[in-house]
Each structure stands twice: as C-alpha cells, then as structure tokens.
Amino acid sequence: MSVTAERDPRSKDRRLNIRASEAEKTVLAQAAAASHMGVSQFMLQAALRSAEEVLADQTRFVVPPEAWAEFSALLDRPARVIPALREAAAEPSPFA
C-alpha cells in the first residue's frame, strides 16, 4: 500500500521546510489552486508521488508475458557444468 493511501491528515506531526524562488512559489501556488488544494498539501502529494515512483523503479519491474515465460524457462532449465567454476569452487577459501 502506498503512503499516500494510508496517511491520516490529522496525524501530521512533522514539518518540512524548503526554499524556492518567487517564480517557483508562484507556479506551485497556481498548480495547487488549479488542483483545489493548499500549497502544502499539493507539494506533499506531488513529492510523495514522485518518491513512490523512484522507489518502485528500484524494487519492481514489469515484463510482457512472452518475456516472462522465456525468463522462467531459463531459470527452470538444468544448470550447465562449467569446469572452471567447478575447479574454483573446489579450491580452499582465501577467507577461511
């Protein structure tokens, strides 16, 4: 569940401060008014949406069904024997 879906506006107990130019503040105020929100509410909603997108890009990926089937088939196939890897695994660990 996203943070924006589960937050209770009555439980806000932390303050965030940012600096902006007069032009940036004007654009934010216009966008907030067009969205029927206060500037703080608009900025928090936009920042949370952006943060959730960034985190989603880091934690999940989506592939078409055909690509998923190919990926799954590659994972399910028997392992190949790689002699050099087998030899390396048979050597004593330098960290032991």
PDB file of N, CA and C in Angstrom:
ATOM      1  N   MET A   1       0.849  -1.174   0.000  1.00  0.00           N
ATOM      2  CA  MET A   1       0.000   0.000   0.000  1.00  0.00           C
ATOM      3  C   MET A   1       0.891   1.232   0.000  1.00  0.00           C
ATOM      4  N   SER A   2       0.508   2.236  -0.746  1.00  0.00           N
ATOM      5  CA  SER A   2       1.313   3.445  -0.819  1.00  0.00           C
ATOM      6  C   SER A   2       1.091   4.315   0.407  1.00  0.00           C
ATOM      7  N   VAL A   3       2.056   5.164   0.659  1.00  0.00           N
ATOM      8  CA  VAL A   3       1.967   6.080   1.793  1.00  0.00           C
ATOM      9  C   VAL A   3       0.804   7.036   1.596  1.00  0.00           C
ATOM     10  N   THR A   4       0.585   7.487   0.373  1.00  0.00           N
ATOM     11  CA  THR A   4      -0.484   8.445   0.131  1.00  0.00           C
ATOM     12  C   THR A   4      -1.856   7.849   0.426  1.00  0.00           C
ATOM     13  N   ALA A   5      -2.011   6.543   0.277  1.00  0.00           N
ATOM     14  CA  ALA A   5      -3.302   5.904   0.527  1.00  0.00           C
ATOM     15  C   ALA A   5      -3.542   5.658   2.000  1.00  0.00           C
ATOM     16  N   GLU A   6      -2.489   5.586   2.801  1.00  0.00           N
ATOM     17  CA  GLU A   6      -2.685   5.208   4.190  1.00  0.00           C
ATOM     18  C   GLU A   6      -2.485   6.335   5.192  1.00  0.00           C
ATOM     19  N   ARG A   7      -2.096   7.508   4.744  1.00  0.00           N
ATOM     20  CA  ARG A   7      -1.834   8.571   5.709  1.00  0.00           C
ATOM     21  C   ARG A   7      -3.120   9.240   6.167  1.00  0.00           C
ATOM     22  N   ASP A   8      -3.113   9.655   7.401  1.00  0.00           N
ATOM     23  CA  ASP A   8      -4.244  10.341   8.009  1.00  0.00           C
ATOM     24  C   ASP A   8      -3.848  11.799   8.168  1.00  0.00           C
ATOM     25  N   PRO A   9      -4.537  12.736   7.506  1.00  0.00           N
ATOM     26  CA  PRO A   9      -4.121  14.132   7.574  1.00  0.00           C
ATOM     27  C   PRO A   9      -4.139  14.701   8.985  1.00  0.00           C
ATOM     28  N   ARG A  10      -4.859  14.087   9.892  1.00  0.00           N
ATOM     29  CA  ARG A  10      -4.903  14.581  11.271  1.00  0.00           C
ATOM     30  C   ARG A  10      -3.677  14.172  12.071  1.00  0.00           C
ATOM     31  N   SER A  11      -2.877  13.228  11.565  1.00  0.00           N
ATOM     32  CA  SER A  11      -1.738  12.726  12.335  1.00  0.00           C
ATOM     33  C   SER A  11      -0.409  13.351  11.912  1.00  0.00           C
ATOM     34  N   LYS A  12      -0.449  14.444  11.191  1.00  0.00           N
ATOM     35  CA  LYS A  12       0.783  15.085  10.733  1.00  0.00           C
ATOM     36  C   LYS A  12       1.435  15.807  11.915  1.00  0.00           C
ATOM     37  N   ASP A  13       2.639  15.373  12.241  1.00  0.00           N
ATOM     38  CA  ASP A  13       3.327  15.980  13.375  1.00  0.00           C
ATOM     39  C   ASP A  13       4.763  16.374  13.045  1.00  0.00           C
ATOM     40  N   ARG A  14       5.128  16.359  11.787  1.00  0.00           N
ATOM     41  CA  ARG A  14       6.476  16.733  11.365  1.00  0.00           C
ATOM     42  C   ARG A  14       6.379  17.859  10.344  1.00  0.00           C
ATOM     43  N   ARG A  15       7.362  18.725  10.371  1.00  0.00           N
ATOM     44  CA  ARG A  15       7.392  19.856   9.448  1.00  0.00           C
ATOM     45  C   ARG A  15       8.554  19.675   8.476  1.00  0.00           C
ATOM     46  N   LEU A  16       8.314  19.990   7.208  1.00  0.00           N
ATOM     47  CA  LEU A  16       9.349  20.017   6.181  1.00  0.00           C
ATOM     48  C   LEU A  16       9.460  21.459   5.689  1.00  0.00           C
ATOM     49  N   ASN A  17      10.672  21.928   5.528  1.00  0.00           N
ATOM     50  CA  ASN A  17      10.891  23.278   5.011  1.00  0.00           C
ATOM     51  C   ASN A  17      11.713  23.202   3.739  1.00  0.00           C
ATOM     52  N   ILE A  18      11.334  23.997   2.754  1.00  0.00           N
ATOM     53  CA  ILE A  18      12.115  24.068   1.525  1.00  0.00           C
ATOM     54  C   ILE A  18      12.283  25.530   1.140  1.00  0.00           C
ATOM     55  N   ARG A  19      13.269  25.775   0.341  1.00  0.00           N
ATOM     56  CA  ARG A  19      13.488  27.115  -0.197  1.00  0.00           C
ATOM     57  C   ARG A  19      13.143  27.081  -1.676  1.00  0.00           C
ATOM     58  N   ALA A  20      12.504  28.139  -2.148  1.00  0.00           N
ATOM     59  CA  ALA A  20      12.113  28.240  -3.552  1.00  0.00           C
ATOM     60  C   ALA A  20      12.215  29.691  -3.992  1.00  0.00           C
ATOM     61  N   SER A  21      12.413  29.868  -5.283  1.00  0.00           N
ATOM     62  CA  SER A  21      12.416  31.229  -5.832  1.00  0.00           C
ATOM     63  C   SER A  21      10.970  31.734  -5.875  1.00  0.00           C
ATOM     64  N   GLU A  22      10.817  33.025  -6.071  1.00  0.00           N
ATOM     65  CA  GLU A  22       9.476  33.595  -6.166  1.00  0.00           C
ATOM     66  C   GLU A  22       8.724  32.992  -7.354  1.00  0.00           C
ATOM     67  N   ALA A  23       9.436  32.780  -8.462  1.00  0.00           N
ATOM     68  CA  ALA A  23       8.790  32.198  -9.653  1.00  0.00           C
ATOM     69  C   ALA A  23       8.333  30.764  -9.365  1.00  0.00           C
ATOM     70  N   GLU A  24       9.167  29.976  -8.680  1.00  0.00           N
ATOM     71  CA  GLU A  24       8.793  28.593  -8.345  1.00  0.00           C
ATOM     72  C   GLU A  24       7.597  28.569  -7.403  1.00  0.00           C
ATOM     73  N   LYS A  25       7.609  29.481  -6.423  1.00  0.00           N
ATOM     74  CA  LYS A  25       6.498  29.549  -5.470  1.00  0.00           C
ATOM     75  C   LYS A  25       5.197  29.913  -6.190  1.00  0.00           C
ATOM     76  N   THR A  26       5.285  30.808  -7.158  1.00  0.00           N
ATOM     77  CA  THR A  26       4.103  31.211  -7.928  1.00  0.00           C
ATOM     78  C   THR A  26       3.537  30.038  -8.712  1.00  0.00           C
ATOM     79  N   VAL A  27       4.412  29.284  -9.371  1.00  0.00           N
ATOM     80  CA  VAL A  27       3.960  28.115 -10.141  1.00  0.00           C
ATOM     81  C   VAL A  27       3.306  27.100  -9.218  1.00  0.00           C
ATOM     82  N   LEU A  28       3.918  26.844  -8.065  1.00  0.00           N
ATOM     83  CA  LEU A  28       3.340  25.897  -7.111  1.00  0.00           C
ATOM     84  C   LEU A  28       1.976  26.370  -6.622  1.00  0.00           C
ATOM     85  N   ALA A  29       1.849  27.650  -6.330  1.00  0.00           N
ATOM     86  CA  ALA A  29       0.572  28.189  -5.860  1.00  0.00           C
ATOM     87  C   ALA A  29      -0.494  28.072  -6.941  1.00  0.00           C
ATOM     88  N   GLN A  30      -0.126  28.343  -8.192  1.00  0.00           N
ATOM     89  CA  GLN A  30      -1.088  28.225  -9.290  1.00  0.00           C
ATOM     90  C   GLN A  30      -1.529  26.777  -9.480  1.00  0.00           C
ATOM     91  N   ALA A  31      -0.578  25.860  -9.430  1.00  0.00           N
ATOM     92  CA  ALA A  31      -0.914  24.444  -9.597  1.00  0.00           C
ATOM     93  C   ALA A  31      -1.776  23.951  -8.440  1.00  0.00           C
ATOM     94  N   ALA A  32      -1.456  24.384  -7.237  1.00  0.00           N
ATOM     95  CA  ALA A  32      -2.249  23.987  -6.069  1.00  0.00           C
ATOM     96  C   ALA A  32      -3.682  24.501  -6.205  1.00  0.00           C
ATOM     97  N   ALA A  33      -3.823  25.750  -6.608  1.00  0.00           N
ATOM     98  CA  ALA A  33      -5.160  26.327  -6.773  1.00  0.00           C
ATOM     99  C   ALA A  33      -5.936  25.586  -7.861  1.00  0.00           C
ATOM    100  N   ALA A  34      -5.251  25.238  -8.959  1.00  0.00           N
ATOM    101  CA  ALA A  34      -5.918  24.504 -10.041  1.00  0.00           C
ATOM    102  C   ALA A  34      -6.350  23.114  -9.585  1.00  0.00           C
ATOM    103  N   SER A  35      -5.659  22.567  -8.581  1.00  0.00           N
ATOM    104  CA  SER A  35      -5.987  21.240  -8.047  1.00  0.00           C
ATOM    105  C   SER A  35      -6.912  21.316  -6.840  1.00  0.00           C
ATOM    106  N   HIS A  36      -7.356  22.527  -6.498  1.00  0.00           N
ATOM    107  CA  HIS A  36      -8.243  22.753  -5.351  1.00  0.00           C
ATOM    108  C   HIS A  36      -7.599  22.273  -4.055  1.00  0.00           C
ATOM    109  N   MET A  37      -6.320  22.605  -3.884  1.00  0.00           N
ATOM    110  CA  MET A  37      -5.572  22.228  -2.684  1.00  0.00           C
ATOM    111  C   MET A  37      -4.787  23.429  -2.196  1.00  0.00           C
ATOM    112  N   GLY A  38      -4.353  23.326  -0.949  1.00  0.00           N
ATOM    113  CA  GLY A  38      -3.402  24.288  -0.441  1.00  0.00           C
ATOM    114  C   GLY A  38      -2.026  23.950  -0.996  1.00  0.00           C
ATOM    115  N   VAL A  39      -1.113  24.917  -0.925  1.00  0.00           N
ATOM    116  CA  VAL A  39       0.235  24.693  -1.461  1.00  0.00           C
ATOM    117  C   VAL A  39       0.925  23.546  -0.726  1.00  0.00           C
ATOM    118  N   SER A  40       0.828  23.516   0.588  1.00  0.00           N
ATOM    119  CA  SER A  40       1.482  22.441   1.352  1.00  0.00           C
ATOM    120  C   SER A  40       0.936  21.074   0.969  1.00  0.00           C
ATOM    121  N   GLN A  41      -0.378  20.969   0.880  1.00  0.00           N
ATOM    122  CA  GLN A  41      -0.999  19.687   0.516  1.00  0.00           C
ATOM    123  C   GLN A  41      -0.573  19.279  -0.891  1.00  0.00           C
ATOM    124  N   PHE A  42      -0.582  20.240  -1.826  1.00  0.00           N
ATOM    125  CA  PHE A  42      -0.181  19.953  -3.197  1.00  0.00           C
ATOM    126  C   PHE A  42       1.267  19.480  -3.255  1.00  0.00           C
ATOM    127  N   MET A  43       2.156  20.185  -2.566  1.00  0.00           N
ATOM    128  CA  MET A  43       3.580  19.834  -2.588  1.00  0.00           C
ATOM    129  C   MET A  43       3.818  18.475  -1.953  1.00  0.00           C
ATOM    130  N   LEU A  44       3.163  18.193  -0.837  1.00  0.00           N
ATOM    131  CA  LEU A  44       3.343  16.898  -0.185  1.00  0.00           C
ATOM    132  C   LEU A  44       2.848  15.770  -1.084  1.00  0.00           C
ATOM    133  N   GLN A  45       1.688  15.964  -1.690  1.00  0.00           N
ATOM    134  CA  GLN A  45       1.140  14.932  -2.578  1.00  0.00           C
ATOM    135  C   GLN A  45       2.076  14.698  -3.772  1.00  0.00           C
ATOM    136  N   ALA A  46       2.566  15.776  -4.378  1.00  0.00           N
ATOM    137  CA  ALA A  46       3.459  15.646  -5.529  1.00  0.00           C
ATOM    138  C   ALA A  46       4.782  14.999  -5.125  1.00  0.00           C
ATOM    139  N   ALA A  47       5.315  15.382  -3.972  1.00  0.00           N
ATOM    140  CA  ALA A  47       6.586  14.810  -3.520  1.00  0.00           C
ATOM    141  C   ALA A  47       6.437  13.329  -3.199  1.00  0.00           C
ATOM    142  N   LEU A  48       5.355  12.950  -2.553  1.00  0.00           N
ATOM    143  CA  LEU A  48       5.131  11.535  -2.238  1.00  0.00           C
ATOM    144  C   LEU A  48       4.939  10.704  -3.499  1.00  0.00           C
ATOM    145  N   ARG A  49       4.201  11.227  -4.459  1.00  0.00           N
ATOM    146  CA  ARG A  49       4.002  10.516  -5.720  1.00  0.00           C
ATOM    147  C   ARG A  49       5.350  10.299  -6.412  1.00  0.00           C
ATOM    148  N   SER A  50       6.163  11.323  -6.435  1.00  0.00           N
ATOM    149  CA  SER A  50       7.487  11.211  -7.055  1.00  0.00           C
ATOM    150  C   SER A  50       8.366  10.224  -6.299  1.00  0.00           C
ATOM    151  N   ALA A  51       8.337  10.271  -4.974  1.00  0.00           N
ATOM    152  CA  ALA A  51       9.141   9.349  -4.167  1.00  0.00           C
ATOM    153  C   ALA A  51       8.713   7.904  -4.393  1.00  0.00           C
ATOM    154  N   GLU A  52       7.407   7.661  -4.465  1.00  0.00           N
ATOM    155  CA  GLU A  52       6.916   6.306  -4.693  1.00  0.00           C
ATOM    156  C   GLU A  52       7.322   5.792  -6.068  1.00  0.00           C
ATOM    157  N   GLU A  53       7.353   6.675  -7.079  1.00  0.00           N
ATOM    158  CA  GLU A  53       7.809   6.272  -8.413  1.00  0.00           C
ATOM    159  C   GLU A  53       9.280   5.893  -8.393  1.00  0.00           C
ATOM    160  N   VAL A  54      10.094   6.693  -7.728  1.00  0.00           N
ATOM    161  CA  VAL A  54      11.530   6.397  -7.635  1.00  0.00           C
ATOM    162  C   VAL A  54      11.743   5.056  -6.944  1.00  0.00           C
ATOM    163  N   LEU A  55      11.060   4.833  -5.834  1.00  0.00           N
ATOM    164  CA  LEU A  55      11.221   3.577  -5.101  1.00  0.00           C
ATOM    165  C   LEU A  55      10.691   2.392  -5.903  1.00  0.00           C
ATOM    166  N   ALA A  56       9.598   2.580  -6.618  1.00  0.00           N
ATOM    167  CA  ALA A  56       9.060   1.492  -7.441  1.00  0.00           C
ATOM    168  C   ALA A  56      10.050   1.105  -8.530  1.00  0.00           C
ATOM    169  N   ASP A  57      10.720   2.101  -9.108  1.00  0.00           N
ATOM    170  CA  ASP A  57      11.723   1.803 -10.135  1.00  0.00           C
ATOM    171  C   ASP A  57      12.879   0.994  -9.571  1.00  0.00           C
ATOM    172  N   GLN A  58      13.109   1.082  -8.279  1.00  0.00           N
ATOM    173  CA  GLN A  58      14.207   0.363  -7.648  1.00  0.00           C
ATOM    174  C   GLN A  58      13.803  -1.012  -7.137  1.00  0.00           C
ATOM    175  N   THR A  59      12.518  -1.279  -7.015  1.00  0.00           N
ATOM    176  CA  THR A  59      12.084  -2.505  -6.351  1.00  0.00           C
ATOM    177  C   THR A  59      11.241  -3.448  -7.197  1.00  0.00           C
ATOM    178  N   ARG A  60      10.750  -3.007  -8.337  1.00  0.00           N
ATOM    179  CA  ARG A  60       9.946  -3.924  -9.149  1.00  0.00           C
ATOM    180  C   ARG A  60      10.134  -3.625 -10.630  1.00  0.00           C
ATOM    181  N   PHE A  61       9.890  -4.644 -11.422  1.00  0.00           N
ATOM    182  CA  PHE A  61       9.946  -4.468 -12.863  1.00  0.00           C
ATOM    183  C   PHE A  61       8.798  -5.236 -13.487  1.00  0.00           C
ATOM    184  N   VAL A  62       8.396  -4.794 -14.643  1.00  0.00           N
ATOM    185  CA  VAL A  62       7.268  -5.407 -15.346  1.00  0.00           C
ATOM    186  C   VAL A  62       7.756  -5.834 -16.721  1.00  0.00           C
ATOM    187  N   VAL A  63       7.427  -7.062 -17.096  1.00  0.00           N
ATOM    188  CA  VAL A  63       7.796  -7.570 -18.417  1.00  0.00           C
ATOM    189  C   VAL A  63       6.551  -8.143 -19.089  1.00  0.00           C
ATOM    190  N   PRO A  64       6.543  -8.132 -20.403  1.00  0.00           N
ATOM    191  CA  PRO A  64       5.409  -8.737 -21.120  1.00  0.00           C
ATOM    192  C   PRO A  64       5.345 -10.243 -20.841  1.00  0.00           C
ATOM    193  N   PRO A  65       4.177 -10.848 -20.962  1.00  0.00           N
ATOM    194  CA  PRO A  65       4.024 -12.277 -20.671  1.00  0.00           C
ATOM    195  C   PRO A  65       4.998 -13.170 -21.440  1.00  0.00           C
ATOM    196  N   GLU A  66       5.272 -12.839 -22.714  1.00  0.00           N
ATOM    197  CA  GLU A  66       6.181 -13.676 -23.505  1.00  0.00           C
ATOM    198  C   GLU A  66       7.596 -13.631 -22.917  1.00  0.00           C
ATOM    199  N   ALA A  67       8.028 -12.440 -22.528  1.00  0.00           N
ATOM    200  CA  ALA A  67       9.364 -12.295 -21.952  1.00  0.00           C
ATOM    201  C   ALA A  67       9.442 -13.001 -20.600  1.00  0.00           C
ATOM    202  N   TRP A  68       8.356 -12.941 -19.820  1.00  0.00           N
ATOM    203  CA  TRP A  68       8.345 -13.628 -18.526  1.00  0.00           C
ATOM    204  C   TRP A  68       8.440 -15.138 -18.722  1.00  0.00           C
ATOM    205  N   ALA A  69       7.733 -15.649 -19.715  1.00  0.00           N
ATOM    206  CA  ALA A  69       7.776 -17.094 -19.999  1.00  0.00           C
ATOM    207  C   ALA A  69       9.194 -17.512 -20.392  1.00  0.00           C
ATOM    208  N   GLU A  70       9.853 -16.717 -21.212  1.00  0.00           N
ATOM    209  CA  GLU A  70      11.229 -17.022 -21.608  1.00  0.00           C
ATOM    210  C   GLU A  70      12.171 -16.961 -20.405  1.00  0.00           C
ATOM    211  N   PHE A  71      12.002 -15.938 -19.578  1.00  0.00           N
ATOM    212  CA  PHE A  71      12.820 -15.789 -18.366  1.00  0.00           C
ATOM    213  C   PHE A  71      12.617 -16.983 -17.436  1.00  0.00           C
ATOM    214  N   SER A  72      11.375 -17.378 -17.231  1.00  0.00           N
ATOM    215  CA  SER A  72      11.072 -18.514 -16.357  1.00  0.00           C
ATOM    216  C   SER A  72      11.672 -19.807 -16.900  1.00  0.00           C
ATOM    217  N   ALA A  73      11.599 -19.982 -18.217  1.00  0.00           N
ATOM    218  CA  ALA A  73      12.172 -21.183 -18.835  1.00  0.00           C
ATOM    219  C   ALA A  73      13.675 -21.237 -18.623  1.00  0.00           C
ATOM    220  N   LEU A  74      14.338 -20.098 -18.728  1.00  0.00           N
ATOM    221  CA  LEU A  74      15.786 -20.059 -18.493  1.00  0.00           C
ATOM    222  C   LEU A  74      16.118 -20.409 -17.039  1.00  0.00           C
ATOM    223  N   LEU A  75      15.306 -19.939 -16.111  1.00  0.00           N
ATOM    224  CA  LEU A  75      15.537 -20.257 -14.700  1.00  0.00           C
ATOM    225  C   LEU A  75      15.281 -21.727 -14.394  1.00  0.00           C
ATOM    226  N   ASP A  76      14.328 -22.326 -15.093  1.00  0.00           N
ATOM    227  CA  ASP A  76      13.940 -23.709 -14.820  1.00  0.00           C
ATOM    228  C   ASP A  76      14.814 -24.753 -15.503  1.00  0.00           C
ATOM    229  N   ARG A  77      15.618 -24.346 -16.464  1.00  0.00           N
ATOM    230  CA  ARG A  77      16.434 -25.338 -17.176  1.00  0.00           C
ATOM    231  C   ARG A  77      17.540 -25.860 -16.255  1.00  0.00           C
ATOM    232  N   PRO A  78      18.014 -27.056 -16.518  1.00  0.00           N
ATOM    233  CA  PRO A  78      19.081 -27.621 -15.679  1.00  0.00           C
ATOM    234  C   PRO A  78      20.348 -26.765 -15.762  1.00  0.00           C
ATOM    235  N   ALA A  79      21.084 -26.767 -14.687  1.00  0.00           N
ATOM    236  CA  ALA A  79      22.324 -25.995 -14.637  1.00  0.00           C
ATOM    237  C   ALA A  79      23.358 -26.603 -15.571  1.00  0.00           C
ATOM    238  N   ARG A  80      24.180 -25.753 -16.168  1.00  0.00           N
ATOM    239  CA  ARG A  80      25.275 -26.236 -17.012  1.00  0.00           C
ATOM    240  C   ARG A  80      26.497 -26.465 -16.135  1.00  0.00           C
ATOM    241  N   VAL A  81      27.274 -27.465 -16.474  1.00  0.00           N
ATOM    242  CA  VAL A  81      28.540 -27.710 -15.778  1.00  0.00           C
ATOM    243  C   VAL A  81      29.596 -26.839 -16.442  1.00  0.00           C
ATOM    244  N   ILE A  82      30.233 -26.003 -15.647  1.00  0.00           N
ATOM    245  CA  ILE A  82      31.302 -25.136 -16.136  1.00  0.00           C
ATOM    246  C   ILE A  82      32.570 -25.573 -15.410  1.00  0.00           C
ATOM    247  N   PRO A  83      33.469 -26.272 -16.106  1.00  0.00           N
ATOM    248  CA  PRO A  83      34.657 -26.843 -15.449  1.00  0.00           C
ATOM    249  C   PRO A  83      35.465 -25.823 -14.652  1.00  0.00           C
ATOM    250  N   ALA A  84      35.689 -24.646 -15.177  1.00  0.00           N
ATOM    251  CA  ALA A  84      36.487 -23.640 -14.458  1.00  0.00           C
ATOM    252  C   ALA A  84      35.795 -23.225 -13.161  1.00  0.00           C
ATOM    253  N   LEU A  85      34.498 -23.139 -13.198  1.00  0.00           N
ATOM    254  CA  LEU A  85      33.755 -22.778 -11.990  1.00  0.00           C
ATOM    255  C   LEU A  85      33.812 -23.907 -10.971  1.00  0.00           C
ATOM    256  N   ARG A  86      33.704 -25.145 -11.443  1.00  0.00           N
ATOM    257  CA  ARG A  86      33.798 -26.302 -10.554  1.00  0.00           C
ATOM    258  C   ARG A  86      35.174 -26.328  -9.881  1.00  0.00           C
ATOM    259  N   GLU A  87      36.232 -26.054 -10.655  1.00  0.00           N
ATOM    260  CA  GLU A  87      37.589 -26.033 -10.090  1.00  0.00           C
ATOM    261  C   GLU A  87      37.740 -24.913  -9.064  1.00  0.00           C
ATOM    262  N   ALA A  88      37.217 -23.765  -9.365  1.00  0.00           N
ATOM    263  CA  ALA A  88      37.312 -22.625  -8.435  1.00  0.00           C
ATOM    264  C   ALA A  88      36.583 -22.942  -7.136  1.00  0.00           C
ATOM    265  N   ALA A  89      35.442 -23.613  -7.236  1.00  0.00           N
ATOM    266  CA  ALA A  89      34.669 -23.956  -6.038  1.00  0.00           C
ATOM    267  C   ALA A  89      35.370 -25.016  -5.204  1.00  0.00           C
ATOM    268  N   ALA A  90      36.216 -25.822  -5.821  1.00  0.00           N
ATOM    269  CA  ALA A  90      36.921 -26.873  -5.094  1.00  0.00           C
ATOM    270  C   ALA A  90      38.135 -26.332  -4.337  1.00  0.00           C
ATOM    271  N   GLU A  91      38.593 -25.142  -4.691  1.00  0.00           N
ATOM    272  CA  GLU A  91      39.738 -24.539  -4.010  1.00  0.00           C
ATOM    273  C   GLU A  91      39.350 -24.094  -2.605  1.00  0.00           C
ATOM    274  N   PRO A  92      40.309 -24.147  -1.664  1.00  0.00           N
ATOM    275  CA  PRO A  92      40.005 -23.629  -0.319  1.00  0.00           C
ATOM    276  C   PRO A  92      39.744 -22.126  -0.369  1.00  0.00           C
ATOM    277  N   SER A  93      38.868 -21.656   0.470  1.00  0.00           N
ATOM    278  CA  SER A  93      38.533 -20.243   0.508  1.00  0.00           C
ATOM    279  C   SER A  93      39.697 -19.430   1.069  1.00  0.00           C
ATOM    280  N   PRO A  94      40.006 -18.301   0.437  1.00  0.00           N
ATOM    281  CA  PRO A  94      41.074 -17.472   0.988  1.00  0.00           C
ATOM    282  C   PRO A  94      40.611 -16.733   2.237  1.00  0.00           C
ATOM    283  N   PHE A  95      39.327 -16.759   2.535  1.00  0.00           N
ATOM    284  CA  PHE A  95      38.773 -16.042   3.684  1.00  0.00           C
ATOM    285  C   PHE A  95      38.578 -16.933   4.898  1.00  0.00           C
ATOM    286  N   ALA A  96      38.869 -18.227   4.745  1.00  0.00           N
ATOM    287  CA  ALA A  96      38.655 -19.161   5.863  1.00  0.00           C
ATOM    288  C   ALA A  96      39.847 -19.191   6.791  1.00  0.00           C
TER     289      ALA A  96
END
